[in-house]
Amino acid sequence: TGIMRDLSVEEEERDARDALESLINSATDPIVVIDSTGVIERVNPACSLVFGYTKEELLGRNVTMLMPKKHAIKHGRYLERYFERKENKSTSSVVGKGRDLEGKKKDGSLFPVFLTVSECVMASKKKAVFIGILRDMTE
């Protein structure tokens, strides 16, 4: 029964991963996952569609490529401040809240987005990632 239980747990975990993968890939809003330094670890197909980059052009690059320069130059400091506030048990001005911002497409054009950011601590990797979900607010 120990072997059967292990296989059953593995199957359940695989099913859960497959369901999550399907959910992310079928979302109509762009989803971007970054590490604690702002490096893009994952995007969904909607992200490529809206921003005009291929998945390969985005992965491993800094998320600042998707934002106007006025925010891009401050983004590293935003992340530093977030972790400082977290250590001091302060609240974040971005994580867990929605904000109206601008996104920057591959062609350099700017467009309005509504951004929500959540932090997720990956137990297996013992690290935090940030999940950004963007809604294209272009009318």
C-alpha atoms as a PDB file:
ATOM      1  CA  THR A   1       0.000   0.000   0.000  1.00  0.00           C
ATOM      2  CA  GLY A   2       2.912   2.384   0.539  1.00  0.00           C
ATOM      3  CA  ILE A   3       3.850   2.200  -3.141  1.00  0.00           C
ATOM      4  CA  MET A   4       0.227   2.614  -4.232  1.00  0.00           C
ATOM      5  CA  ARG A   5      -0.144   5.623  -1.929  1.00  0.00           C
ATOM      6  CA  ASP A   6       3.027   7.232  -3.291  1.00  0.00           C
ATOM      7  CA  LEU A   7       1.825   6.767  -6.877  1.00  0.00           C
ATOM      8  CA  SER A   8      -1.578   8.169  -5.971  1.00  0.00           C
ATOM      9  CA  VAL A   9      -0.021  11.259  -4.373  1.00  0.00           C
ATOM     10  CA  GLU A  10       2.268  11.727  -7.376  1.00  0.00           C
ATOM     11  CA  GLU A  11      -0.707  11.475  -9.739  1.00  0.00           C
ATOM     12  CA  GLU A  12      -2.669  14.018  -7.698  1.00  0.00           C
ATOM     13  CA  GLU A  13       0.287  16.396  -7.710  1.00  0.00           C
ATOM     14  CA  ARG A  14       0.728  15.954 -11.463  1.00  0.00           C
ATOM     15  CA  ASP A  15      -2.997  16.565 -12.017  1.00  0.00           C
ATOM     16  CA  ALA A  16      -2.818  19.728  -9.888  1.00  0.00           C
ATOM     17  CA  ARG A  17       0.212  20.989 -11.861  1.00  0.00           C
ATOM     18  CA  ASP A  18      -1.528  20.219 -15.162  1.00  0.00           C
ATOM     19  CA  ALA A  19      -4.679  22.053 -14.039  1.00  0.00           C
ATOM     20  CA  LEU A  20      -2.657  25.088 -12.955  1.00  0.00           C
ATOM     21  CA  GLU A  21      -0.711  25.067 -16.226  1.00  0.00           C
ATOM     22  CA  SER A  22      -3.984  24.942 -18.172  1.00  0.00           C
ATOM     23  CA  LEU A  23      -5.438  27.794 -16.131  1.00  0.00           C
ATOM     24  CA  ILE A  24      -2.411  30.020 -16.691  1.00  0.00           C
ATOM     25  CA  ASN A  25      -2.161  29.243 -20.394  1.00  0.00           C
ATOM     26  CA  SER A  26      -5.868  29.782 -21.054  1.00  0.00           C
ATOM     27  CA  ALA A  27      -6.117  33.122 -19.201  1.00  0.00           C
ATOM     28  CA  THR A  28      -6.974  35.983 -21.526  1.00  0.00           C
ATOM     29  CA  ASP A  29      -5.022  38.507 -19.440  1.00  0.00           C
ATOM     30  CA  PRO A  30      -1.223  38.558 -19.487  1.00  0.00           C
ATOM     31  CA  ILE A  31       0.416  36.771 -16.560  1.00  0.00           C
ATOM     32  CA  VAL A  32       4.075  37.411 -15.744  1.00  0.00           C
ATOM     33  CA  VAL A  33       6.029  35.624 -13.010  1.00  0.00           C
ATOM     34  CA  ILE A  34       9.253  37.278 -11.850  1.00  0.00           C
ATOM     35  CA  ASP A  35      11.869  36.381  -9.269  1.00  0.00           C
ATOM     36  CA  SER A  36      12.931  38.655  -6.418  1.00  0.00           C
ATOM     37  CA  THR A  37      15.283  40.588  -8.713  1.00  0.00           C
ATOM     38  CA  GLY A  38      12.718  41.215 -11.452  1.00  0.00           C
ATOM     39  CA  VAL A  39      13.842  38.505 -13.868  1.00  0.00           C
ATOM     40  CA  ILE A  40      10.969  36.973 -15.828  1.00  0.00           C
ATOM     41  CA  GLU A  41      10.590  33.269 -15.065  1.00  0.00           C
ATOM     42  CA  ARG A  42       7.273  32.567 -16.750  1.00  0.00           C
ATOM     43  CA  VAL A  43       4.714  34.169 -19.042  1.00  0.00           C
ATOM     44  CA  ASN A  44       1.476  32.975 -20.540  1.00  0.00           C
ATOM     45  CA  PRO A  45       0.437  33.173 -24.225  1.00  0.00           C
ATOM     46  CA  ALA A  46      -1.695  36.286 -23.561  1.00  0.00           C
ATOM     47  CA  CYS A  47       1.446  38.116 -22.470  1.00  0.00           C
ATOM     48  CA  SER A  48       3.082  37.437 -25.822  1.00  0.00           C
ATOM     49  CA  LEU A  49      -0.066  38.448 -27.660  1.00  0.00           C
ATOM     50  CA  VAL A  50      -0.538  41.753 -25.819  1.00  0.00           C
ATOM     51  CA  PHE A  51       3.104  42.861 -25.573  1.00  0.00           C
ATOM     52  CA  GLY A  52       4.284  41.508 -28.937  1.00  0.00           C
ATOM     53  CA  TYR A  53       7.248  39.498 -27.628  1.00  0.00           C
ATOM     54  CA  THR A  54       7.717  35.769 -27.965  1.00  0.00           C
ATOM     55  CA  LYS A  55       8.006  33.724 -24.795  1.00  0.00           C
ATOM     56  CA  GLU A  56      11.691  33.148 -25.601  1.00  0.00           C
ATOM     57  CA  GLU A  57      12.321  36.903 -25.874  1.00  0.00           C
ATOM     58  CA  LEU A  58      10.855  37.443 -22.393  1.00  0.00           C
ATOM     59  CA  LEU A  59      12.181  34.564 -20.293  1.00  0.00           C
ATOM     60  CA  GLY A  60      15.363  35.424 -18.426  1.00  0.00           C
ATOM     61  CA  ARG A  61      15.044  39.147 -19.110  1.00  0.00           C
ATOM     62  CA  ASN A  62      14.116  41.820 -16.594  1.00  0.00           C
ATOM     63  CA  VAL A  63      10.447  42.743 -16.349  1.00  0.00           C
ATOM     64  CA  THR A  64      11.408  46.392 -16.800  1.00  0.00           C
ATOM     65  CA  MET A  65      11.327  45.751 -20.549  1.00  0.00           C
ATOM     66  CA  LEU A  66       7.515  45.752 -20.251  1.00  0.00           C
ATOM     67  CA  MET A  67       7.243  49.158 -18.606  1.00  0.00           C
ATOM     68  CA  PRO A  68       7.928  52.779 -19.489  1.00  0.00           C
ATOM     69  CA  LYS A  69      11.340  54.162 -18.574  1.00  0.00           C
ATOM     70  CA  LYS A  70       9.960  56.297 -15.697  1.00  0.00           C
ATOM     71  CA  HIS A  71       8.964  53.100 -13.851  1.00  0.00           C
ATOM     72  CA  ALA A  72      11.719  50.852 -15.215  1.00  0.00           C
ATOM     73  CA  ILE A  73      14.522  52.928 -13.680  1.00  0.00           C
ATOM     74  CA  LYS A  74      12.852  52.682 -10.239  1.00  0.00           C
ATOM     75  CA  HIS A  75      11.735  49.046 -10.326  1.00  0.00           C
ATOM     76  CA  GLY A  76      14.843  47.581  -8.675  1.00  0.00           C
ATOM     77  CA  ARG A  77      14.407  50.002  -5.789  1.00  0.00           C
ATOM     78  CA  TYR A  78      10.686  49.110  -5.558  1.00  0.00           C
ATOM     79  CA  LEU A  79      11.667  45.476  -5.013  1.00  0.00           C
ATOM     80  CA  GLU A  80      14.329  46.371  -2.436  1.00  0.00           C
ATOM     81  CA  ARG A  81      11.855  48.530  -0.540  1.00  0.00           C
ATOM     82  CA  TYR A  82       9.273  45.744  -0.611  1.00  0.00           C
ATOM     83  CA  PHE A  83      11.655  43.309   1.104  1.00  0.00           C
ATOM     84  CA  GLU A  84      12.729  45.978   3.624  1.00  0.00           C
ATOM     85  CA  ARG A  85       9.088  46.653   4.502  1.00  0.00           C
ATOM     86  CA  LYS A  86       8.369  42.936   4.696  1.00  0.00           C
ATOM     87  CA  GLU A  87      11.190  42.480   7.223  1.00  0.00           C
ATOM     88  CA  ASN A  88       9.724  45.319   9.265  1.00  0.00           C
ATOM     89  CA  LYS A  89       6.219  43.839   8.924  1.00  0.00           C
ATOM     90  CA  SER A  90       5.055  46.935   7.033  1.00  0.00           C
ATOM     91  CA  THR A  91       2.458  46.789   4.306  1.00  0.00           C
ATOM     92  CA  SER A  92       3.273  47.007   0.626  1.00  0.00           C
ATOM     93  CA  SER A  93       1.973  49.740  -1.613  1.00  0.00           C
ATOM     94  CA  VAL A  94       1.787  47.346  -4.577  1.00  0.00           C
ATOM     95  CA  VAL A  95       1.661  43.662  -3.601  1.00  0.00           C
ATOM     96  CA  GLY A  96      -1.899  42.574  -2.940  1.00  0.00           C
ATOM     97  CA  LYS A  97      -3.361  45.688  -4.510  1.00  0.00           C
ATOM     98  CA  GLY A  98      -4.318  46.787  -8.005  1.00  0.00           C
ATOM     99  CA  ARG A  99      -2.866  49.807  -9.794  1.00  0.00           C
ATOM    100  CA  ASP A 100      -3.453  51.678 -13.021  1.00  0.00           C
ATOM    101  CA  LEU A 101      -0.164  51.884 -14.917  1.00  0.00           C
ATOM    102  CA  GLU A 102       1.216  51.799 -18.429  1.00  0.00           C
ATOM    103  CA  GLY A 103       2.703  48.830 -20.225  1.00  0.00           C
ATOM    104  CA  LYS A 104       5.273  49.047 -23.022  1.00  0.00           C
ATOM    105  CA  LYS A 105       4.948  46.873 -26.096  1.00  0.00           C
ATOM    106  CA  LYS A 106       7.823  45.516 -28.166  1.00  0.00           C
ATOM    107  CA  ASP A 107       7.334  48.337 -30.663  1.00  0.00           C
ATOM    108  CA  GLY A 108       7.795  50.879 -27.841  1.00  0.00           C
ATOM    109  CA  SER A 109       4.181  52.012 -27.746  1.00  0.00           C
ATOM    110  CA  LEU A 110       2.602  52.550 -24.346  1.00  0.00           C
ATOM    111  CA  PHE A 111      -0.866  51.379 -23.359  1.00  0.00           C
ATOM    112  CA  PRO A 112      -2.945  51.523 -20.167  1.00  0.00           C
ATOM    113  CA  VAL A 113      -2.963  48.449 -17.924  1.00  0.00           C
ATOM    114  CA  PHE A 114      -4.447  47.537 -14.581  1.00  0.00           C
ATOM    115  CA  LEU A 115      -1.832  45.530 -12.679  1.00  0.00           C
ATOM    116  CA  THR A 116      -2.318  43.255  -9.690  1.00  0.00           C
ATOM    117  CA  VAL A 117       0.727  41.683  -8.041  1.00  0.00           C
ATOM    118  CA  SER A 118       0.825  38.783  -5.600  1.00  0.00           C
ATOM    119  CA  GLU A 119       3.773  37.230  -3.838  1.00  0.00           C
ATOM    120  CA  CYS A 120       4.094  33.462  -3.774  1.00  0.00           C
ATOM    121  CA  VAL A 121       6.718  31.660  -1.731  1.00  0.00           C
ATOM    122  CA  MET A 122       7.753  28.525  -3.561  1.00  0.00           C
ATOM    123  CA  ALA A 123       8.197  25.871  -0.872  1.00  0.00           C
ATOM    124  CA  SER A 124      10.249  23.619  -3.144  1.00  0.00           C
ATOM    125  CA  LYS A 125      12.665  26.403  -4.050  1.00  0.00           C
ATOM    126  CA  LYS A 126      12.446  28.331  -0.764  1.00  0.00           C
ATOM    127  CA  LYS A 127      12.192  31.589  -2.641  1.00  0.00           C
ATOM    128  CA  ALA A 128       9.635  34.237  -3.394  1.00  0.00           C
ATOM    129  CA  VAL A 129       8.249  34.951  -6.819  1.00  0.00           C
ATOM    130  CA  PHE A 130       5.859  37.684  -7.826  1.00  0.00           C
ATOM    131  CA  ILE A 131       2.877  37.013 -10.048  1.00  0.00           C
ATOM    132  CA  GLY A 132       1.641  39.955 -12.062  1.00  0.00           C
ATOM    133  CA  ILE A 133      -1.700  39.837 -13.819  1.00  0.00           C
ATOM    134  CA  LEU A 134      -2.302  42.672 -16.237  1.00  0.00           C
ATOM    135  CA  ARG A 135      -5.529  43.811 -17.818  1.00  0.00           C
ATOM    136  CA  ASP A 136      -5.162  45.747 -21.060  1.00  0.00           C
ATOM    137  CA  MET A 137      -7.341  48.816 -20.484  1.00  0.00           C
ATOM    138  CA  THR A 138      -7.173  50.033 -24.088  1.00  0.00           C
ATOM    139  CA  GLU A 139     -10.654  51.010 -25.193  1.00  0.00           C
END
